[in-house]
Amino acid sequence: TSTSSPGSTPSSSVVHDAIKSAVRKELRACYRVIAVLEGQATAPDPKHVLTLRRTQVWLEEVKQRLEIVARCVDATMGLCGGEALNVLYSMSRHGDSFVVETI
Protein backbone atom coordinates (compact mmCIF):
# COMPACT_ATOMS: atom_id res chain seq x y z
CA THR A 1 0.00 0.00 0.00
CA SER A 2 1.09 3.53 -0.57
CA THR A 3 0.48 6.58 1.49
CA SER A 4 0.35 10.11 0.32
CA SER A 5 1.77 12.70 2.63
CA PRO A 6 2.96 16.24 1.96
CA GLY A 7 6.29 16.21 0.20
CA SER A 8 6.16 12.56 -0.79
CA THR A 9 5.47 10.98 -4.13
CA PRO A 10 2.29 8.95 -4.55
CA SER A 11 4.29 5.71 -4.81
CA SER A 12 6.25 6.23 -1.59
CA SER A 13 5.50 4.15 1.48
CA VAL A 14 5.98 4.62 5.18
CA VAL A 15 8.97 2.27 4.99
CA HIS A 16 10.60 4.32 2.24
CA ASP A 17 9.84 7.53 4.13
CA ALA A 18 11.64 6.05 7.14
CA ILE A 19 14.62 5.13 4.97
CA LYS A 20 14.72 8.66 3.56
CA SER A 21 14.65 10.01 7.10
CA ALA A 22 17.57 7.74 8.07
CA VAL A 23 19.55 8.97 5.06
CA ARG A 24 18.91 12.59 6.07
CA LYS A 25 19.94 11.82 9.66
CA GLU A 26 23.22 10.22 8.57
CA LEU A 27 23.96 13.06 6.16
CA ARG A 28 23.41 15.62 8.95
CA ALA A 29 25.84 13.65 11.15
CA CYS A 30 28.34 13.66 8.30
CA TYR A 31 27.99 17.44 7.85
CA ARG A 32 28.51 17.94 11.60
CA VAL A 33 31.75 15.94 11.49
CA ILE A 34 32.92 17.90 8.46
CA ALA A 35 32.17 21.17 10.29
CA VAL A 36 34.21 20.01 13.29
CA LEU A 37 37.09 19.00 11.03
CA GLU A 38 36.93 22.31 9.23
CA GLY A 39 37.05 24.10 12.58
CA GLN A 40 40.09 22.11 13.62
CA ALA A 41 41.79 22.74 10.29
CA THR A 42 41.46 26.49 10.74
CA ALA A 43 42.14 26.55 14.48
CA PRO A 44 45.34 28.31 15.53
CA ASP A 45 45.73 25.94 18.51
CA PRO A 46 48.78 23.67 17.91
CA LYS A 47 47.22 20.98 20.14
CA HIS A 48 44.46 20.47 17.60
CA VAL A 49 46.47 20.20 14.41
CA LEU A 50 44.41 18.28 11.90
CA THR A 51 46.48 15.50 10.39
CA LEU A 52 45.50 13.13 7.62
CA ARG A 53 45.31 10.30 10.16
CA ARG A 54 42.98 12.27 12.46
CA THR A 55 40.79 13.09 9.49
CA GLN A 56 40.62 9.42 8.54
CA VAL A 57 39.69 8.38 12.09
CA TRP A 58 36.98 11.05 12.33
CA LEU A 59 35.45 10.07 8.99
CA GLU A 60 35.67 6.27 9.29
CA GLU A 61 32.51 5.74 11.37
CA VAL A 62 30.56 8.23 9.26
CA LYS A 63 31.67 6.44 6.11
CA GLN A 64 30.67 3.04 7.49
CA ARG A 65 27.24 4.31 8.53
CA LEU A 66 26.63 5.88 5.11
CA GLU A 67 27.65 2.62 3.41
CA ILE A 68 25.20 0.64 5.55
CA VAL A 69 22.37 3.07 4.83
CA ALA A 70 23.23 2.94 1.11
CA ARG A 71 23.00 -0.86 1.20
CA CYS A 72 19.57 -0.58 2.86
CA VAL A 73 18.41 1.81 0.14
CA ASP A 74 19.73 -0.47 -2.61
CA ALA A 75 18.21 -3.58 -1.04
CA THR A 76 14.74 -2.07 -0.68
CA MET A 77 14.63 -0.26 -4.01
CA GLY A 78 11.47 -1.29 -5.84
CA LEU A 79 10.02 -3.14 -2.85
CA CYS A 80 6.89 -2.07 -1.00
CA GLY A 81 5.75 -2.30 2.61
CA GLY A 82 6.20 -5.76 4.05
CA GLU A 83 8.72 -6.84 1.41
CA ALA A 84 10.98 -3.90 2.27
CA LEU A 85 10.54 -4.57 6.00
CA ASN A 86 11.49 -8.23 5.50
CA VAL A 87 14.67 -7.22 3.71
CA LEU A 88 15.56 -4.72 6.44
CA TYR A 89 14.81 -7.30 9.12
CA SER A 90 17.07 -9.86 7.47
CA MET A 91 19.81 -7.22 7.18
CA SER A 92 19.41 -6.44 10.90
CA ARG A 93 20.17 -10.07 11.77
CA HIS A 94 23.83 -9.30 11.19
CA GLY A 95 26.46 -10.40 13.69
CA ASP A 96 28.12 -6.98 13.87
CA SER A 97 26.48 -4.81 16.54
CA PHE A 98 27.52 -1.65 14.66
CA VAL A 99 25.53 -2.78 11.60
CA VAL A 100 22.54 -3.77 13.75
CA GLU A 101 22.52 -0.38 15.49
CA THR A 102 22.70 1.46 12.20
CA ILE A 103 19.88 -0.51 10.59
PDB file of N, CA and C in Angstrom:
ATOM      1  N   THR A   1       0.834  -1.190   0.000  1.00  0.00           N
ATOM      2  CA  THR A   1       0.000   0.000   0.000  1.00  0.00           C
ATOM      3  C   THR A   1       0.868   1.238   0.000  1.00  0.00           C
ATOM      4  N   SER A   2       0.328   2.291  -0.559  1.00  0.00           N
ATOM      5  CA  SER A   2       1.094   3.529  -0.574  1.00  0.00           C
ATOM      6  C   SER A   2       0.339   4.594   0.184  1.00  0.00           C
ATOM      7  N   THR A   3       1.070   5.472   0.767  1.00  0.00           N
ATOM      8  CA  THR A   3       0.477   6.583   1.486  1.00  0.00           C
ATOM      9  C   THR A   3       0.868   7.853   0.790  1.00  0.00           C
ATOM     10  N   SER A   4       0.043   8.835   0.938  1.00  0.00           N
ATOM     11  CA  SER A   4       0.352  10.110   0.316  1.00  0.00           C
ATOM     12  C   SER A   4       0.418  11.159   1.402  1.00  0.00           C
ATOM     13  N   SER A   5       1.592  11.663   1.634  1.00  0.00           N
ATOM     14  CA  SER A   5       1.772  12.704   2.629  1.00  0.00           C
ATOM     15  C   SER A   5       2.433  13.887   1.960  1.00  0.00           C
ATOM     16  N   PRO A   6       2.338  15.060   2.573  1.00  0.00           N
ATOM     17  CA  PRO A   6       2.955  16.236   1.961  1.00  0.00           C
ATOM     18  C   PRO A   6       4.437  16.017   1.720  1.00  0.00           C
ATOM     19  N   GLY A   7       4.875  16.323   0.515  1.00  0.00           N
ATOM     20  CA  GLY A   7       6.288  16.212   0.204  1.00  0.00           C
ATOM     21  C   GLY A   7       6.721  14.838  -0.255  1.00  0.00           C
ATOM     22  N   SER A   8       5.784  13.888  -0.340  1.00  0.00           N
ATOM     23  CA  SER A   8       6.162  12.563  -0.792  1.00  0.00           C
ATOM     24  C   SER A   8       5.486  12.271  -2.118  1.00  0.00           C
ATOM     25  N   THR A   9       6.062  11.361  -2.865  1.00  0.00           N
ATOM     26  CA  THR A   9       5.472  10.981  -4.129  1.00  0.00           C
ATOM     27  C   THR A   9       4.356   9.991  -3.875  1.00  0.00           C
ATOM     28  N   PRO A  10       3.402   9.863  -4.780  1.00  0.00           N
ATOM     29  CA  PRO A  10       2.287   8.945  -4.552  1.00  0.00           C
ATOM     30  C   PRO A  10       2.721   7.503  -4.354  1.00  0.00           C
ATOM     31  N   SER A  11       3.862   7.106  -4.920  1.00  0.00           N
ATOM     32  CA  SER A  11       4.287   5.711  -4.806  1.00  0.00           C
ATOM     33  C   SER A  11       5.159   5.448  -3.574  1.00  0.00           C
ATOM     34  N   SER A  12       5.405   6.460  -2.758  1.00  0.00           N
ATOM     35  CA  SER A  12       6.250   6.234  -1.586  1.00  0.00           C
ATOM     36  C   SER A  12       5.440   5.547  -0.488  1.00  0.00           C
ATOM     37  N   SER A  13       6.143   4.847   0.373  1.00  0.00           N
ATOM     38  CA  SER A  13       5.495   4.155   1.483  1.00  0.00           C
ATOM     39  C   SER A  13       6.090   4.652   2.788  1.00  0.00           C
ATOM     40  N   VAL A  14       5.478   4.249   3.859  1.00  0.00           N
ATOM     41  CA  VAL A  14       5.979   4.616   5.179  1.00  0.00           C
ATOM     42  C   VAL A  14       7.390   4.085   5.365  1.00  0.00           C
ATOM     43  N   VAL A  15       7.640   2.873   4.867  1.00  0.00           N
ATOM     44  CA  VAL A  15       8.968   2.272   4.991  1.00  0.00           C
ATOM     45  C   VAL A  15       9.994   3.116   4.237  1.00  0.00           C
ATOM     46  N   HIS A  16       9.668   3.506   3.018  1.00  0.00           N
ATOM     47  CA  HIS A  16      10.597   4.317   2.240  1.00  0.00           C
ATOM     48  C   HIS A  16      10.780   5.701   2.852  1.00  0.00           C
ATOM     49  N   ASP A  17       9.713   6.246   3.434  1.00  0.00           N
ATOM     50  CA  ASP A  17       9.844   7.533   4.129  1.00  0.00           C
ATOM     51  C   ASP A  17      10.796   7.406   5.313  1.00  0.00           C
ATOM     52  N   ALA A  18      10.737   6.277   6.014  1.00  0.00           N
ATOM     53  CA  ALA A  18      11.639   6.047   7.142  1.00  0.00           C
ATOM     54  C   ALA A  18      13.082   5.913   6.662  1.00  0.00           C
ATOM     55  N   ILE A  19      13.275   5.262   5.525  1.00  0.00           N
ATOM     56  CA  ILE A  19      14.625   5.127   4.973  1.00  0.00           C
ATOM     57  C   ILE A  19      15.152   6.496   4.563  1.00  0.00           C
ATOM     58  N   LYS A  20      14.310   7.305   3.933  1.00  0.00           N
ATOM     59  CA  LYS A  20      14.720   8.662   3.558  1.00  0.00           C
ATOM     60  C   LYS A  20      15.111   9.464   4.792  1.00  0.00           C
ATOM     61  N   SER A  21      14.347   9.311   5.862  1.00  0.00           N
ATOM     62  CA  SER A  21      14.652  10.007   7.103  1.00  0.00           C
ATOM     63  C   SER A  21      15.999   9.556   7.664  1.00  0.00           C
ATOM     64  N   ALA A  22      16.287   8.260   7.592  1.00  0.00           N
ATOM     65  CA  ALA A  22      17.569   7.738   8.070  1.00  0.00           C
ATOM     66  C   ALA A  22      18.716   8.287   7.235  1.00  0.00           C
ATOM     67  N   VAL A  23      18.515   8.404   5.921  1.00  0.00           N
ATOM     68  CA  VAL A  23      19.547   8.966   5.058  1.00  0.00           C
ATOM     69  C   VAL A  23      19.812  10.414   5.448  1.00  0.00           C
ATOM     70  N   ARG A  24      18.741  11.182   5.655  1.00  0.00           N
ATOM     71  CA  ARG A  24      18.909  12.588   6.066  1.00  0.00           C
ATOM     72  C   ARG A  24      19.652  12.692   7.396  1.00  0.00           C
ATOM     73  N   LYS A  25      19.297  11.813   8.335  1.00  0.00           N
ATOM     74  CA  LYS A  25      19.943  11.818   9.656  1.00  0.00           C
ATOM     75  C   LYS A  25      21.440  11.540   9.525  1.00  0.00           C
ATOM     76  N   GLU A  26      21.798  10.554   8.734  1.00  0.00           N
ATOM     77  CA  GLU A  26      23.219  10.216   8.566  1.00  0.00           C
ATOM     78  C   GLU A  26      23.966  11.322   7.830  1.00  0.00           C
ATOM     79  N   LEU A  27      23.316  11.954   6.866  1.00  0.00           N
ATOM     80  CA  LEU A  27      23.962  13.064   6.162  1.00  0.00           C
ATOM     81  C   LEU A  27      24.187  14.248   7.094  1.00  0.00           C
ATOM     82  N   ARG A  28      23.218  14.530   7.967  1.00  0.00           N
ATOM     83  CA  ARG A  28      23.407  15.615   8.952  1.00  0.00           C
ATOM     84  C   ARG A  28      24.589  15.302   9.867  1.00  0.00           C
ATOM     85  N   ALA A  29      24.703  14.052  10.301  1.00  0.00           N
ATOM     86  CA  ALA A  29      25.836  13.651  11.146  1.00  0.00           C
ATOM     87  C   ALA A  29      27.146  13.832  10.393  1.00  0.00           C
ATOM     88  N   CYS A  30      27.146  13.498   9.127  1.00  0.00           N
ATOM     89  CA  CYS A  30      28.339  13.662   8.297  1.00  0.00           C
ATOM     90  C   CYS A  30      28.715  15.137   8.194  1.00  0.00           C
ATOM     91  N   TYR A  31      27.724  15.993   7.953  1.00  0.00           N
ATOM     92  CA  TYR A  31      27.986  17.435   7.852  1.00  0.00           C
ATOM     93  C   TYR A  31      28.518  17.999   9.169  1.00  0.00           C
ATOM     94  N   ARG A  32      28.015  17.481  10.298  1.00  0.00           N
ATOM     95  CA  ARG A  32      28.513  17.938  11.600  1.00  0.00           C
ATOM     96  C   ARG A  32      29.988  17.583  11.766  1.00  0.00           C
ATOM     97  N   VAL A  33      30.355  16.366  11.387  1.00  0.00           N
ATOM     98  CA  VAL A  33      31.753  15.944  11.492  1.00  0.00           C
ATOM     99  C   VAL A  33      32.623  16.805  10.581  1.00  0.00           C
ATOM    100  N   ILE A  34      32.155  17.065   9.385  1.00  0.00           N
ATOM    101  CA  ILE A  34      32.918  17.904   8.456  1.00  0.00           C
ATOM    102  C   ILE A  34      33.095  19.308   9.031  1.00  0.00           C
ATOM    103  N   ALA A  35      32.067  19.847   9.673  1.00  0.00           N
ATOM    104  CA  ALA A  35      32.173  21.172  10.286  1.00  0.00           C
ATOM    105  C   ALA A  35      33.203  21.172  11.410  1.00  0.00           C
ATOM    106  N   VAL A  36      33.224  20.109  12.214  1.00  0.00           N
ATOM    107  CA  VAL A  36      34.208  20.009  13.295  1.00  0.00           C
ATOM    108  C   VAL A  36      35.618  19.934  12.699  1.00  0.00           C
ATOM    109  N   LEU A  37      35.779  19.116  11.673  1.00  0.00           N
ATOM    110  CA  LEU A  37      37.087  18.997  11.033  1.00  0.00           C
ATOM    111  C   LEU A  37      37.528  20.321  10.417  1.00  0.00           C
ATOM    112  N   GLU A  38      36.602  21.020   9.812  1.00  0.00           N
ATOM    113  CA  GLU A  38      36.929  22.314   9.233  1.00  0.00           C
ATOM    114  C   GLU A  38      37.361  23.298  10.317  1.00  0.00           C
ATOM    115  N   GLY A  39      36.672  23.252  11.452  1.00  0.00           N
ATOM    116  CA  GLY A  39      37.051  24.104  12.575  1.00  0.00           C
ATOM    117  C   GLY A  39      38.439  23.778  13.092  1.00  0.00           C
ATOM    118  N   GLN A  40      38.763  22.502  13.161  1.00  0.00           N
ATOM    119  CA  GLN A  40      40.093  22.111  13.616  1.00  0.00           C
ATOM    120  C   GLN A  40      41.163  22.477  12.603  1.00  0.00           C
ATOM    121  N   ALA A  41      40.812  22.413  11.328  1.00  0.00           N
ATOM    122  CA  ALA A  41      41.789  22.738  10.286  1.00  0.00           C
ATOM    123  C   ALA A  41      42.150  24.214  10.298  1.00  0.00           C
ATOM    124  N   THR A  42      41.217  25.053  10.726  1.00  0.00           N
ATOM    125  CA  THR A  42      41.461  26.491  10.739  1.00  0.00           C
ATOM    126  C   THR A  42      41.820  27.012  12.123  1.00  0.00           C
ATOM    127  N   ALA A  43      41.840  26.128  13.111  1.00  0.00           N
ATOM    128  CA  ALA A  43      42.141  26.548  14.483  1.00  0.00           C
ATOM    129  C   ALA A  43      43.632  26.856  14.641  1.00  0.00           C
ATOM    130  N   PRO A  44      43.944  27.960  15.319  1.00  0.00           N
ATOM    131  CA  PRO A  44      45.343  28.310  15.533  1.00  0.00           C
ATOM    132  C   PRO A  44      46.004  27.501  16.660  1.00  0.00           C
ATOM    133  N   ASP A  45      45.228  26.696  17.375  1.00  0.00           N
ATOM    134  CA  ASP A  45      45.731  25.935  18.509  1.00  0.00           C
ATOM    135  C   ASP A  45      46.606  24.774  18.024  1.00  0.00           C
ATOM    136  N   PRO A  46      47.893  24.747  18.372  1.00  0.00           N
ATOM    137  CA  PRO A  46      48.776  23.670  17.911  1.00  0.00           C
ATOM    138  C   PRO A  46      48.410  22.296  18.486  1.00  0.00           C
ATOM    139  N   LYS A  47      47.636  22.260  19.572  1.00  0.00           N
ATOM    140  CA  LYS A  47      47.218  20.979  20.140  1.00  0.00           C
ATOM    141  C   LYS A  47      46.210  20.273  19.241  1.00  0.00           C
ATOM    142  N   HIS A  48      45.512  21.031  18.436  1.00  0.00           N
ATOM    143  CA  HIS A  48      44.458  20.473  17.601  1.00  0.00           C
ATOM    144  C   HIS A  48      44.811  20.524  16.118  1.00  0.00           C
ATOM    145  N   VAL A  49      46.044  20.224  15.808  1.00  0.00           N
ATOM    146  CA  VAL A  49      46.469  20.196  14.413  1.00  0.00           C
ATOM    147  C   VAL A  49      45.749  19.030  13.732  1.00  0.00           C
ATOM    148  N   LEU A  50      45.150  19.306  12.613  1.00  0.00           N
ATOM    149  CA  LEU A  50      44.412  18.285  11.897  1.00  0.00           C
ATOM    150  C   LEU A  50      45.340  17.561  10.925  1.00  0.00           C
ATOM    151  N   THR A  51      45.610  16.310  11.243  1.00  0.00           N
ATOM    152  CA  THR A  51      46.476  15.501  10.385  1.00  0.00           C
ATOM    153  C   THR A  51      45.604  14.627   9.492  1.00  0.00           C
ATOM    154  N   LEU A  52      46.221  14.036   8.503  1.00  0.00           N
ATOM    155  CA  LEU A  52      45.503  13.131   7.624  1.00  0.00           C
ATOM    156  C   LEU A  52      44.963  11.941   8.412  1.00  0.00           C
ATOM    157  N   ARG A  53      45.738  11.441   9.337  1.00  0.00           N
ATOM    158  CA  ARG A  53      45.311  10.298  10.158  1.00  0.00           C
ATOM    159  C   ARG A  53      44.105  10.659  11.018  1.00  0.00           C
ATOM    160  N   ARG A  54      44.128  11.829  11.650  1.00  0.00           N
ATOM    161  CA  ARG A  54      42.977  12.267  12.457  1.00  0.00           C
ATOM    162  C   ARG A  54      41.733  12.412  11.602  1.00  0.00           C
ATOM    163  N   THR A  55      41.912  12.941  10.405  1.00  0.00           N
ATOM    164  CA  THR A  55      40.786  13.094   9.492  1.00  0.00           C
ATOM    165  C   THR A  55      40.205  11.727   9.146  1.00  0.00           C
ATOM    166  N   GLN A  56      41.062  10.768   8.874  1.00  0.00           N
ATOM    167  CA  GLN A  56      40.617   9.419   8.544  1.00  0.00           C
ATOM    168  C   GLN A  56      39.840   8.798   9.709  1.00  0.00           C
ATOM    169  N   VAL A  57      40.354   8.954  10.911  1.00  0.00           N
ATOM    170  CA  VAL A  57      39.692   8.384  12.089  1.00  0.00           C
ATOM    171  C   VAL A  57      38.320   9.021  12.288  1.00  0.00           C
ATOM    172  N   TRP A  58      38.251  10.337  12.156  1.00  0.00           N
ATOM    173  CA  TRP A  58      36.978  11.051  12.327  1.00  0.00           C
ATOM    174  C   TRP A  58      35.949  10.608  11.289  1.00  0.00           C
ATOM    175  N   LEU A  59      36.389  10.365  10.071  1.00  0.00           N
ATOM    176  CA  LEU A  59      35.451  10.073   8.988  1.00  0.00           C
ATOM    177  C   LEU A  59      35.111   8.590   8.850  1.00  0.00           C
ATOM    178  N   GLU A  60      35.877   7.711   9.465  1.00  0.00           N
ATOM    179  CA  GLU A  60      35.673   6.269   9.285  1.00  0.00           C
ATOM    180  C   GLU A  60      34.275   5.814   9.709  1.00  0.00           C
ATOM    181  N   GLU A  61      33.834   6.174  10.898  1.00  0.00           N
ATOM    182  CA  GLU A  61      32.514   5.737  11.366  1.00  0.00           C
ATOM    183  C   GLU A  61      31.405   6.324  10.499  1.00  0.00           C
ATOM    184  N   VAL A  62      31.555   7.593  10.127  1.00  0.00           N
ATOM    185  CA  VAL A  62      30.561   8.230   9.265  1.00  0.00           C
ATOM    186  C   VAL A  62      30.474   7.486   7.939  1.00  0.00           C
ATOM    187  N   LYS A  63      31.615   7.165   7.382  1.00  0.00           N
ATOM    188  CA  LYS A  63      31.672   6.439   6.106  1.00  0.00           C
ATOM    189  C   LYS A  63      30.992   5.078   6.229  1.00  0.00           C
ATOM    190  N   GLN A  64      31.274   4.360   7.298  1.00  0.00           N
ATOM    191  CA  GLN A  64      30.673   3.043   7.491  1.00  0.00           C
ATOM    192  C   GLN A  64      29.153   3.142   7.613  1.00  0.00           C
ATOM    193  N   ARG A  65      28.686   4.135   8.371  1.00  0.00           N
ATOM    194  CA  ARG A  65      27.238   4.306   8.526  1.00  0.00           C
ATOM    195  C   ARG A  65      26.573   4.638   7.192  1.00  0.00           C
ATOM    196  N   LEU A  66      27.190   5.526   6.416  1.00  0.00           N
ATOM    197  CA  LEU A  66      26.626   5.881   5.111  1.00  0.00           C
ATOM    198  C   LEU A  66      26.603   4.671   4.176  1.00  0.00           C
ATOM    199  N   GLU A  67      27.623   3.831   4.239  1.00  0.00           N
ATOM    200  CA  GLU A  67      27.647   2.621   3.409  1.00  0.00           C
ATOM    201  C   GLU A  67      26.521   1.667   3.792  1.00  0.00           C
ATOM    202  N   ILE A  68      26.275   1.522   5.082  1.00  0.00           N
ATOM    203  CA  ILE A  68      25.199   0.640   5.548  1.00  0.00           C
ATOM    204  C   ILE A  68      23.843   1.176   5.092  1.00  0.00           C
ATOM    205  N   VAL A  69      23.631   2.474   5.255  1.00  0.00           N
ATOM    206  CA  VAL A  69      22.369   3.072   4.829  1.00  0.00           C
ATOM    207  C   VAL A  69      22.211   2.932   3.312  1.00  0.00           C
ATOM    208  N   ALA A  70      23.288   3.100   2.559  1.00  0.00           N
ATOM    209  CA  ALA A  70      23.226   2.938   1.108  1.00  0.00           C
ATOM    210  C   ALA A  70      22.843   1.507   0.734  1.00  0.00           C
ATOM    211  N   ARG A  71      23.375   0.531   1.464  1.00  0.00           N
ATOM    212  CA  ARG A  71      22.997  -0.863   1.205  1.00  0.00           C
ATOM    213  C   ARG A  71      21.523  -1.097   1.481  1.00  0.00           C
ATOM    214  N   CYS A  72      20.998  -0.456   2.543  1.00  0.00           N
ATOM    215  CA  CYS A  72      19.568  -0.576   2.860  1.00  0.00           C
ATOM    216  C   CYS A  72      18.723   0.013   1.734  1.00  0.00           C
ATOM    217  N   VAL A  73      19.137   1.167   1.238  1.00  0.00           N
ATOM    218  CA  VAL A  73      18.413   1.807   0.141  1.00  0.00           C
ATOM    219  C   VAL A  73      18.437   0.904  -1.087  1.00  0.00           C
ATOM    220  N   ASP A  74      19.609   0.397  -1.440  1.00  0.00           N
ATOM    221  CA  ASP A  74      19.729  -0.469  -2.615  1.00  0.00           C
ATOM    222  C   ASP A  74      18.887  -1.742  -2.462  1.00  0.00           C
ATOM    223  N   ALA A  75      18.916  -2.320  -1.270  1.00  0.00           N
ATOM    224  CA  ALA A  75      18.214  -3.582  -1.044  1.00  0.00           C
ATOM    225  C   ALA A  75      16.701  -3.429  -1.069  1.00  0.00           C
ATOM    226  N   THR A  76      16.191  -2.262  -0.731  1.00  0.00           N
ATOM    227  CA  THR A  76      14.739  -2.066  -0.676  1.00  0.00           C
ATOM    228  C   THR A  76      14.191  -1.329  -1.891  1.00  0.00           C
ATOM    229  N   MET A  77      15.061  -0.964  -2.812  1.00  0.00           N
ATOM    230  CA  MET A  77      14.630  -0.256  -4.007  1.00  0.00           C
ATOM    231  C   MET A  77      13.635  -1.120  -4.788  1.00  0.00           C
ATOM    232  N   GLY A  78      12.483  -0.572  -5.074  1.00  0.00           N
ATOM    233  CA  GLY A  78      11.468  -1.287  -5.842  1.00  0.00           C
ATOM    234  C   GLY A  78      10.578  -2.195  -5.007  1.00  0.00           C
ATOM    235  N   LEU A  79      10.856  -2.306  -3.720  1.00  0.00           N
ATOM    236  CA  LEU A  79      10.023  -3.136  -2.847  1.00  0.00           C
ATOM    237  C   LEU A  79       9.034  -2.257  -2.099  1.00  0.00           C
ATOM    238  N   CYS A  80       7.910  -2.823  -1.727  1.00  0.00           N
ATOM    239  CA  CYS A  80       6.891  -2.070  -1.000  1.00  0.00           C
ATOM    240  C   CYS A  80       6.627  -2.709   0.355  1.00  0.00           C
ATOM    241  N   GLY A  81       6.233  -1.881   1.297  1.00  0.00           N
ATOM    242  CA  GLY A  81       5.750  -2.299   2.605  1.00  0.00           C
ATOM    243  C   GLY A  81       6.455  -3.466   3.241  1.00  0.00           C
ATOM    244  N   GLY A  82       5.706  -4.578   3.360  1.00  0.00           N
ATOM    245  CA  GLY A  82       6.203  -5.764   4.047  1.00  0.00           C
ATOM    246  C   GLY A  82       7.444  -6.367   3.412  1.00  0.00           C
ATOM    247  N   GLU A  83       7.521  -6.305   2.081  1.00  0.00           N
ATOM    248  CA  GLU A  83       8.721  -6.839   1.413  1.00  0.00           C
ATOM    249  C   GLU A  83       9.959  -6.064   1.850  1.00  0.00           C
ATOM    250  N   ALA A  84       9.847  -4.736   1.863  1.00  0.00           N
ATOM    251  CA  ALA A  84      10.978  -3.901   2.273  1.00  0.00           C
ATOM    252  C   ALA A  84      11.322  -4.155   3.736  1.00  0.00           C
ATOM    253  N   LEU A  85      10.301  -4.287   4.578  1.00  0.00           N
ATOM    254  CA  LEU A  85      10.541  -4.574   6.002  1.00  0.00           C
ATOM    255  C   LEU A  85      11.243  -5.914   6.184  1.00  0.00           C
ATOM    256  N   ASN A  86      10.836  -6.922   5.409  1.00  0.00           N
ATOM    257  CA  ASN A  86      11.486  -8.231   5.500  1.00  0.00           C
ATOM    258  C   ASN A  86      12.957  -8.146   5.141  1.00  0.00           C
ATOM    259  N   VAL A  87      13.272  -7.384   4.108  1.00  0.00           N
ATOM    260  CA  VAL A  87      14.670  -7.221   3.709  1.00  0.00           C
ATOM    261  C   VAL A  87      15.453  -6.522   4.813  1.00  0.00           C
ATOM    262  N   LEU A  88      14.880  -5.439   5.357  1.00  0.00           N
ATOM    263  CA  LEU A  88      15.562  -4.715   6.438  1.00  0.00           C
ATOM    264  C   LEU A  88      15.733  -5.598   7.666  1.00  0.00           C
ATOM    265  N   TYR A  89      14.717  -6.389   7.980  1.00  0.00           N
ATOM    266  CA  TYR A  89      14.810  -7.295   9.121  1.00  0.00           C
ATOM    267  C   TYR A  89      15.938  -8.309   8.915  1.00  0.00           C
ATOM    268  N   SER A  90      16.007  -8.880   7.724  1.00  0.00           N
ATOM    269  CA  SER A  90      17.072  -9.860   7.475  1.00  0.00           C
ATOM    270  C   SER A  90      18.448  -9.193   7.534  1.00  0.00           C
ATOM    271  N   MET A  91      18.533  -7.941   7.094  1.00  0.00           N
ATOM    272  CA  MET A  91      19.808  -7.218   7.182  1.00  0.00           C
ATOM    273  C   MET A  91      20.165  -6.928   8.640  1.00  0.00           C
ATOM    274  N   SER A  92      19.152  -6.749   9.487  1.00  0.00           N
ATOM    275  CA  SER A  92      19.412  -6.441  10.897  1.00  0.00           C
ATOM    276  C   SER A  92      19.863  -7.667  11.685  1.00  0.00           C
ATOM    277  N   ARG A  93      19.741  -8.837  11.112  1.00  0.00           N
ATOM    278  CA  ARG A  93      20.166 -10.072  11.768  1.00  0.00           C
ATOM    279  C   ARG A  93      21.652 -10.324  11.529  1.00  0.00           C
ATOM    280  N   HIS A  94      22.395  -9.265  11.450  1.00  0.00           N
ATOM    281  CA  HIS A  94      23.832  -9.301  11.190  1.00  0.00           C
ATOM    282  C   HIS A  94      24.569  -9.512  12.509  1.00  0.00           C
ATOM    283  N   GLY A  95      25.708 -10.142  12.477  1.00  0.00           N
ATOM    284  CA  GLY A  95      26.465 -10.405  13.688  1.00  0.00           C
ATOM    285  C   GLY A  95      27.186  -9.201  14.244  1.00  0.00           C
ATOM    286  N   ASP A  96      27.388  -8.176  13.435  1.00  0.00           N
ATOM    287  CA  ASP A  96      28.115  -6.980  13.866  1.00  0.00           C
ATOM    288  C   ASP A  96      27.150  -6.009  14.534  1.00  0.00           C
ATOM    289  N   SER A  97      27.384  -5.695  15.793  1.00  0.00           N
ATOM    290  CA  SER A  97      26.475  -4.811  16.535  1.00  0.00           C
ATOM    291  C   SER A  97      26.431  -3.402  15.920  1.00  0.00           C
ATOM    292  N   PHE A  98      27.514  -2.945  15.308  1.00  0.00           N
ATOM    293  CA  PHE A  98      27.524  -1.647  14.657  1.00  0.00           C
ATOM    294  C   PHE A  98      26.514  -1.616  13.510  1.00  0.00           C
ATOM    295  N   VAL A  99      26.477  -2.684  12.717  1.00  0.00           N
ATOM    296  CA  VAL A  99      25.531  -2.779  11.605  1.00  0.00           C
ATOM    297  C   VAL A  99      24.104  -2.838  12.141  1.00  0.00           C
ATOM    298  N   VAL A 100      23.876  -3.640  13.164  1.00  0.00           N
ATOM    299  CA  VAL A 100      22.537  -3.771  13.748  1.00  0.00           C
ATOM    300  C   VAL A 100      22.052  -2.431  14.280  1.00  0.00           C
ATOM    301  N   GLU A 101      22.903  -1.700  14.974  1.00  0.00           N
ATOM    302  CA  GLU A 101      22.523  -0.379  15.491  1.00  0.00           C
ATOM    303  C   GLU A 101      22.174   0.592  14.379  1.00  0.00           C
ATOM    304  N   THR A 102      22.916   0.540  13.311  1.00  0.00           N
ATOM    305  CA  THR A 102      22.696   1.460  12.203  1.00  0.00           C
ATOM    306  C   THR A 102      21.399   1.169  11.474  1.00  0.00           C
ATOM    307  N   ILE A 103      21.116  -0.124  11.278  1.00  0.00           N
ATOM    308  CA  ILE A 103      19.882  -0.506  10.591  1.00  0.00           C
ATOM    309  C   ILE A 103      18.725  -0.261  11.520  1.00  0.00           C
TER     310      ILE A 103
END
